[in-house]
Protein backbone atom coordinates (compact mmCIF):
# COMPACT_ATOMS: atom_id res chain seq x y z
CA MET A 1 -28.85 10.53 -6.82
CA THR A 2 -27.72 13.20 -9.27
CA GLU A 3 -24.64 15.31 -8.69
CA ALA A 4 -26.77 18.40 -8.10
CA THR A 5 -28.85 16.56 -5.52
CA ALA A 6 -25.70 15.35 -3.77
CA ASP A 7 -24.47 18.95 -3.56
CA GLU A 8 -27.72 20.17 -2.03
CA SER A 9 -27.82 17.41 0.60
CA SER A 10 -24.17 17.64 1.66
CA PRO A 11 -24.00 18.73 5.33
CA GLY A 12 -22.72 22.25 5.85
CA VAL A 13 -21.40 22.75 2.28
CA PRO A 14 -22.46 26.04 0.66
CA ALA A 15 -22.76 26.67 -3.06
CA ASP A 16 -19.70 27.80 -5.00
CA SER A 17 -18.52 31.20 -3.82
CA ASN A 18 -15.02 31.38 -5.31
CA SER A 19 -14.20 32.83 -8.68
CA PRO A 20 -10.75 32.87 -10.33
CA SER A 21 -10.30 36.50 -9.32
CA GLN A 22 -11.27 35.85 -5.68
CA ALA A 23 -9.53 32.53 -5.02
CA PRO A 24 -6.23 32.84 -3.15
CA ALA A 25 -3.14 30.89 -4.21
CA ARG A 26 -3.62 28.07 -1.71
CA VAL A 27 -2.59 24.43 -1.47
CA HIS A 28 -4.75 21.93 0.43
CA ILE A 29 -2.63 19.04 1.73
CA VAL A 30 -4.52 15.91 2.79
CA VAL A 31 -2.63 13.20 4.68
CA THR A 32 -3.76 9.88 6.10
CA CYS A 33 -4.24 9.69 9.85
CA ALA A 34 -1.93 7.63 12.08
CA ASN A 35 -2.72 4.50 14.05
CA ARG A 36 -0.64 5.71 16.98
CA LYS A 37 -2.39 8.16 19.29
CA ASN A 38 -1.11 10.32 22.13
CA LEU A 39 -4.23 9.58 24.20
CA ALA A 40 -5.58 6.22 25.27
CA VAL A 41 -8.44 5.00 23.08
CA PRO A 42 -11.55 4.03 25.07
CA ALA A 43 -13.04 0.63 24.31
CA ALA A 44 -16.26 2.20 23.00
CA LEU A 45 -14.35 4.14 20.32
CA ARG A 46 -12.72 1.09 18.78
CA VAL A 47 -14.43 -0.25 15.67
CA ARG A 48 -14.06 -3.77 17.02
CA ALA A 49 -16.65 -2.83 19.66
CA LEU A 50 -19.28 -2.66 16.89
CA SER A 51 -18.74 -6.13 15.47
CA ASN A 52 -22.36 -7.15 16.19
CA TYR A 53 -23.85 -4.28 14.16
CA ALA A 54 -24.99 -4.53 10.51
CA PRO A 55 -22.96 -2.24 8.17
CA ARG A 56 -25.46 0.66 8.03
CA GLN A 57 -26.21 0.44 11.75
CA LYS A 58 -22.49 0.19 12.45
CA LEU A 59 -21.74 3.55 10.83
CA ALA A 60 -24.70 5.26 12.53
CA GLU A 61 -23.64 3.96 15.93
CA TRP A 62 -20.01 4.91 15.28
CA THR A 63 -20.81 8.54 14.45
CA ARG A 64 -23.20 8.71 17.42
CA ARG A 65 -20.42 7.63 19.77
CA LEU A 66 -17.96 10.12 18.29
CA SER A 67 -20.55 12.87 18.77
CA GLU A 68 -21.19 12.27 22.46
CA PRO A 69 -20.40 15.55 24.29
CA SER A 70 -19.12 13.72 27.37
CA GLN A 71 -16.15 12.24 25.49
CA PRO A 72 -12.83 14.15 25.85
CA SER A 73 -11.33 15.60 22.66
CA ILE A 74 -8.01 17.03 21.52
CA ALA A 75 -6.74 18.95 18.49
CA ALA A 76 -5.96 16.55 15.65
CA THR A 77 -2.44 17.95 15.38
CA SER A 78 -1.81 16.73 18.93
CA LEU A 79 -3.77 13.48 18.75
CA TYR A 80 -1.66 11.55 16.26
CA ALA A 81 1.84 10.25 16.96
CA GLY A 82 4.72 8.55 15.13
CA GLU A 83 7.16 9.39 12.34
CA HIS A 84 4.49 9.77 9.64
CA TRP A 85 2.59 12.37 11.61
CA ALA A 86 5.72 14.19 12.79
CA VAL A 87 6.58 14.82 9.11
CA ALA A 88 2.96 15.62 8.20
CA ARG A 89 2.88 18.49 10.70
CA GLN A 90 5.85 20.05 8.91
CA LEU A 91 4.04 20.19 5.56
CA VAL A 92 2.40 23.49 6.47
CA ASN A 93 5.56 25.29 7.56
CA PRO A 94 5.75 28.88 6.24
CA ARG A 95 6.41 28.85 2.51
CA SER A 96 5.78 30.95 -0.58
CA VAL A 97 2.13 29.85 -0.84
CA GLU A 98 -0.66 29.49 1.70
CA THR A 99 -1.25 25.90 2.78
CA GLN A 100 -3.96 24.13 4.74
CA LEU A 101 -3.58 20.68 6.25
CA TRP A 102 -6.41 18.13 6.23
CA ILE A 103 -6.70 14.58 7.54
CA CYS A 104 -8.11 11.57 5.71
CA SER A 105 -9.43 9.47 8.59
CA ALA A 106 -11.23 6.13 8.59
CA GLY A 107 -12.84 7.23 11.84
CA TYR A 108 -13.86 10.81 11.05
CA GLY A 109 -13.72 11.17 7.27
CA LEU A 110 -12.11 14.33 5.88
CA VAL A 111 -11.37 16.83 8.65
CA PRO A 112 -9.17 19.93 9.00
CA ALA A 113 -6.05 19.39 11.10
CA THR A 114 -7.37 22.00 13.53
CA ALA A 115 -10.47 19.92 14.36
CA GLN A 116 -11.06 18.65 17.89
CA LEU A 117 -11.11 14.84 17.74
CA ARG A 118 -11.67 12.09 20.25
CA PRO A 119 -9.08 9.30 20.45
CA TYR A 120 -10.37 6.41 18.34
CA ALA A 121 -9.25 3.26 16.55
CA ALA A 122 -10.47 2.74 12.96
CA THR A 123 -8.63 1.80 9.78
CA PHE A 124 -9.23 1.03 6.11
CA ALA A 125 -6.51 -1.64 6.26
CA LEU A 126 -8.11 -5.06 5.87
CA ARG A 127 -8.09 -7.92 8.36
CA GLU A 128 -7.22 -5.69 11.32
CA ALA A 129 -9.08 -5.73 14.63
CA ASP A 130 -10.43 -2.24 13.93
CA SER A 131 -11.01 -2.54 10.16
CA VAL A 132 -14.12 -0.63 9.12
CA GLY A 133 -14.86 -2.99 6.22
CA GLN A 134 -14.05 -6.46 4.96
CA GLY A 135 -13.17 -5.30 1.44
CA SER A 136 -12.76 -2.31 -0.84
CA THR A 137 -16.49 -1.98 -1.53
CA GLU A 138 -17.37 -1.78 2.16
CA ASN A 139 -14.53 0.70 2.72
CA ARG A 140 -15.83 2.96 -0.08
CA ASP A 141 -19.34 2.78 1.38
CA TRP A 142 -17.99 3.69 4.82
CA TRP A 143 -16.10 6.71 3.41
CA ARG A 144 -19.22 7.83 1.54
CA GLY A 145 -21.25 7.51 4.73
CA LEU A 146 -18.74 9.54 6.73
CA SER A 147 -18.94 12.31 4.12
CA GLU A 148 -22.70 12.57 4.75
CA TRP A 149 -22.14 13.07 8.49
CA VAL A 150 -21.71 16.68 9.64
CA GLY A 151 -18.49 15.76 11.44
CA PRO A 152 -16.60 17.55 14.22
CA GLU A 153 -16.51 20.93 12.45
CA PRO A 154 -19.85 21.64 10.73
CA GLY A 155 -19.54 23.75 7.59
CA THR A 156 -16.15 22.37 6.50
CA PRO A 157 -15.80 20.07 3.45
CA ARG A 158 -16.48 16.43 4.29
CA SER A 159 -15.00 14.81 1.17
CA PHE A 160 -12.44 15.46 -1.54
CA TYR A 161 -15.29 16.36 -3.87
CA HIS A 162 -16.68 18.97 -1.48
CA LEU A 163 -13.18 20.36 -0.95
CA ALA A 164 -12.72 20.76 -4.72
CA ARG A 165 -16.20 22.18 -5.18
CA MET A 166 -15.62 24.89 -2.58
CA ASN A 167 -12.13 25.68 -3.93
CA PRO A 168 -12.23 25.01 -7.69
CA ASP A 169 -9.22 27.21 -8.49
CA GLU A 170 -6.94 25.88 -5.76
CA THR A 171 -4.61 22.91 -5.46
CA ILE A 172 -5.22 19.61 -3.67
CA ILE A 173 -2.37 17.25 -2.84
CA ALA A 174 -3.49 13.97 -1.25
CA VAL A 175 -0.80 11.88 0.45
CA LEU A 176 -2.42 8.46 0.78
CA SER A 177 -1.49 4.85 1.46
CA ASP A 178 -2.84 2.17 -0.87
CA THR A 179 -5.77 1.16 1.36
CA TYR A 180 -6.90 4.75 1.92
CA LEU A 181 -6.45 5.54 -1.77
CA ARG A 182 -8.78 2.67 -2.72
CA ALA A 183 -11.36 3.62 -0.11
CA CYS A 184 -11.51 7.20 -1.46
CA SER A 185 -11.14 6.33 -5.15
CA ASP A 186 -14.64 7.35 -6.31
CA ASP A 187 -14.45 10.57 -4.30
CA LEU A 188 -11.03 11.47 -5.71
CA LEU A 189 -12.16 10.97 -9.31
CA ARG A 190 -15.15 13.25 -8.77
CA ALA A 191 -12.94 15.85 -7.10
CA ALA A 192 -10.52 15.98 -10.04
CA GLY A 193 -13.44 16.64 -12.37
CA ARG A 194 -14.70 19.47 -10.17
CA LEU A 195 -11.48 21.52 -10.30
CA ARG A 196 -11.24 23.97 -13.18
CA ASP A 197 -7.78 22.53 -13.84
CA PRO A 198 -7.87 18.78 -13.05
CA GLN A 199 -4.05 18.82 -13.04
CA ARG A 200 -4.28 20.63 -9.71
CA LEU A 201 -5.27 17.42 -7.94
CA THR A 202 -2.30 15.16 -7.24
CA ILE A 203 -2.19 11.93 -5.28
CA VAL A 204 1.21 11.14 -3.78
CA GLY A 205 1.29 7.44 -3.02
CA PRO A 206 1.86 3.94 -4.38
CA ALA A 207 1.61 3.56 -8.12
CA GLN A 208 -0.95 1.13 -9.57
CA ALA A 209 -2.87 0.75 -6.29
CA ASP A 210 -6.06 1.50 -8.26
CA ARG A 211 -6.07 1.48 -12.07
CA ASP A 212 -8.82 4.07 -12.28
CA LEU A 213 -6.63 6.54 -10.39
CA ASP A 214 -3.32 5.96 -12.20
CA GLU A 215 -3.65 9.23 -14.11
CA LEU A 216 -3.91 11.17 -10.83
CA VAL A 217 -1.05 9.45 -8.99
CA VAL A 218 2.55 10.56 -8.65
CA GLY A 219 4.01 7.17 -7.80
CA VAL A 220 6.18 6.67 -4.74
CA THR A 221 8.61 3.75 -4.77
CA ALA A 222 11.23 2.38 -2.40
CA ARG A 223 13.91 3.71 -4.78
CA MET A 224 13.13 7.22 -3.48
CA ARG A 225 13.90 6.38 0.13
CA PRO A 226 17.65 7.15 0.03
CA ALA A 227 16.84 10.61 -1.39
CA VAL A 228 14.34 11.55 1.35
CA GLY A 229 15.45 9.43 4.31
CA GLY A 230 13.31 7.97 7.08
CA SER A 231 11.49 4.67 7.22
CA LEU A 232 9.22 3.08 4.63
CA LEU A 233 6.21 3.85 6.87
CA ALA A 234 6.77 7.59 6.31
CA LEU A 235 8.01 7.40 2.71
CA ASN A 236 4.85 8.85 1.09
CA VAL A 237 4.77 11.89 3.34
CA ARG A 238 8.53 12.49 3.07
CA VAL A 239 8.31 12.44 -0.73
CA ALA A 240 5.38 14.88 -0.52
CA GLN A 241 7.47 17.13 1.72
CA ARG A 242 10.22 17.21 -0.92
CA LEU A 243 7.74 17.97 -3.72
CA LEU A 244 6.01 20.72 -1.74
CA GLY A 245 9.35 22.34 -1.11
CA ARG A 246 9.43 23.21 -4.82
CA VAL A 247 5.96 24.77 -4.97
CA THR A 248 5.86 28.53 -5.56
CA ALA A 249 3.21 31.09 -6.50
CA GLU A 250 3.85 30.20 -10.14
CA PRO A 251 0.83 28.19 -11.42
CA ARG A 252 2.86 25.54 -13.22
CA THR A 253 4.38 24.40 -9.90
CA HIS A 254 0.90 23.37 -8.70
CA ARG A 255 0.28 20.92 -11.53
CA ARG A 256 0.55 17.15 -11.42
CA SER A 257 2.88 17.06 -14.43
CA TYR A 258 5.35 19.23 -12.50
CA PHE A 259 5.25 16.94 -9.44
CA ARG A 260 5.63 13.89 -11.64
CA ALA A 261 8.81 15.31 -13.17
CA LEU A 262 10.20 16.07 -9.70
CA ALA A 263 9.39 12.54 -8.51
CA HIS A 264 11.16 11.13 -11.55
CA GLU A 265 14.24 13.12 -10.55
CA LEU A 266 14.09 11.71 -7.01
CA ALA A 267 14.01 8.15 -8.33
CA ALA A 268 16.74 8.85 -10.88
CA VAL A 269 19.27 10.17 -8.34
CA ALA A 270 18.75 7.22 -5.99
CA PRO A 271 21.67 4.78 -5.88
CA PRO A 272 21.07 1.53 -7.80
CA GLN A 273 19.58 -1.28 -5.79
CA PRO A 274 22.13 -4.00 -4.97
CA PRO A 275 21.34 -7.37 -6.57
CA PRO A 276 19.65 -9.82 -4.20
CA PRO A 277 22.13 -12.19 -2.56
CA HIS A 278 22.38 -15.64 -4.09
CA ARG A 279 21.22 -18.27 -1.62
CA GLU A 280 21.25 -22.04 -1.92
CA ARG A 281 17.73 -23.49 -1.78
CA MET A 282 17.19 -26.23 0.80
CA THR A 283 14.95 -29.30 0.79
CA ASP A 284 12.38 -29.90 3.54
CA ASP A 285 14.62 -32.50 5.21
CA GLU A 286 17.57 -30.08 5.20
CA VAL A 287 15.44 -27.33 6.73
CA LYS A 288 14.18 -29.67 9.45
CA ALA A 289 17.73 -30.76 10.22
CA PHE A 290 18.64 -27.07 10.61
CA ILE A 291 15.67 -26.26 12.85
CA ARG A 292 15.69 -29.30 15.19
CA PRO A 293 18.86 -28.69 17.28
CA LEU A 294 18.06 -24.99 17.61
CA ALA A 295 14.48 -25.68 18.71
CA GLU A 296 15.70 -28.26 21.22
CA ALA A 297 18.19 -25.75 22.68
CA GLY A 298 15.45 -23.49 24.07
CA PRO A 299 12.62 -21.07 23.22
CA THR A 300 12.97 -19.44 19.81
CA SER A 301 10.81 -18.28 16.89
CA ALA A 302 10.42 -19.10 13.21
CA THR A 303 11.31 -15.53 12.26
CA ARG A 304 14.57 -15.63 14.21
CA LEU A 305 15.64 -18.98 12.81
CA LEU A 306 14.73 -18.06 9.23
CA ARG A 307 16.87 -14.95 9.51
CA GLN A 308 19.73 -17.06 10.83
CA LEU A 309 19.33 -19.54 7.97
CA ARG A 310 19.34 -16.84 5.32
CA ASN A 311 22.38 -15.16 6.87
CA SER A 312 24.21 -18.46 6.39
CA GLY A 313 23.65 -18.25 2.61
CA LYS A 314 20.78 -20.72 2.42
CA SER A 315 17.16 -20.06 1.37
CA CYS A 316 13.66 -21.23 2.18
CA GLU A 317 10.30 -19.59 1.49
CA GLN A 318 8.84 -17.97 4.60
CA ALA A 319 5.53 -19.89 4.56
CA ARG A 320 7.29 -23.24 4.01
CA PHE A 321 9.80 -22.52 6.77
CA LYS A 322 7.01 -21.62 9.22
CA GLN A 323 5.16 -24.85 8.47
CA LEU A 324 8.29 -26.92 9.00
CA PHE A 325 9.15 -24.99 12.16
CA ASP A 326 5.69 -25.70 13.60
CA GLU A 327 6.06 -29.42 12.81
CA ILE A 328 9.43 -29.64 14.56
CA SER A 329 8.21 -27.60 17.52
CA LEU A 330 5.35 -30.06 18.09
CA GLU A 331 7.77 -32.99 18.00
CA VAL A 332 10.27 -31.34 20.35
CA HIS A 333 7.76 -30.15 22.95
CA CYS A 334 5.23 -33.00 22.91
């Protein structure tokens, strides 16, 4: 399928209507959805419920279920919960430029934050009960398929490419985790090429998650956490919040090179990481001798005992400790 054909067949996406003189100074902020929901998710709207479907049938059945008029819906801004989403909602607070918030969802695709959504469970993370695919290729196919569905708000862009095509003179900032970044990688590359200034597409997320996207990414690392606060789960969106706080109507503040310089400053002012504590490595027999009396004393867990061992200044690899713990547990409780 040629690019022109893809444009013509995209649901609800009109031809280019913006020109540099007409386009407002606007920033489109795209954030990943959140696993936590404020409404209970019905069994039928969990991806795990479609485990018996072939991939193409699975997507068709999924979108059919999401489209059922009898299902209750709620504004996306009220559906998601947790620290990540609490910060995401703040990204569109009044500022010197107009902003619009979008959601990158494994269940719905790209949707505006104002869309009415049904509570659902779907993720691009692998090996989860509600994973949409078993690998990156299946995840990319799923995202592509979602972009061909009209979605909950017909007429709005259904992919990063469509968003860039409809707003070629505006700015797109995508705040994505590694799994969502990989799932959308092809779409993001096409979107960057559709903007008149490709520097106006910036991905805020983990560096080196996808080599093809390295040029587009402003890398987020754990070193930035002291500068922005919060937990690691919300680090990407907190860094994005700090970067967006420096955006003005001045064009240079919309470019990736500007955000990259700001991110470098965040990492540079972070306090140096303390050296890892030196721990004495233990043999298997020593680890078993440590575990046995504690396992005999009553119910416990490998995680708890490993933490106790490491706090004592000793070391053992997590996988090895778990194996030894399981062996001792069988002996103690048999």
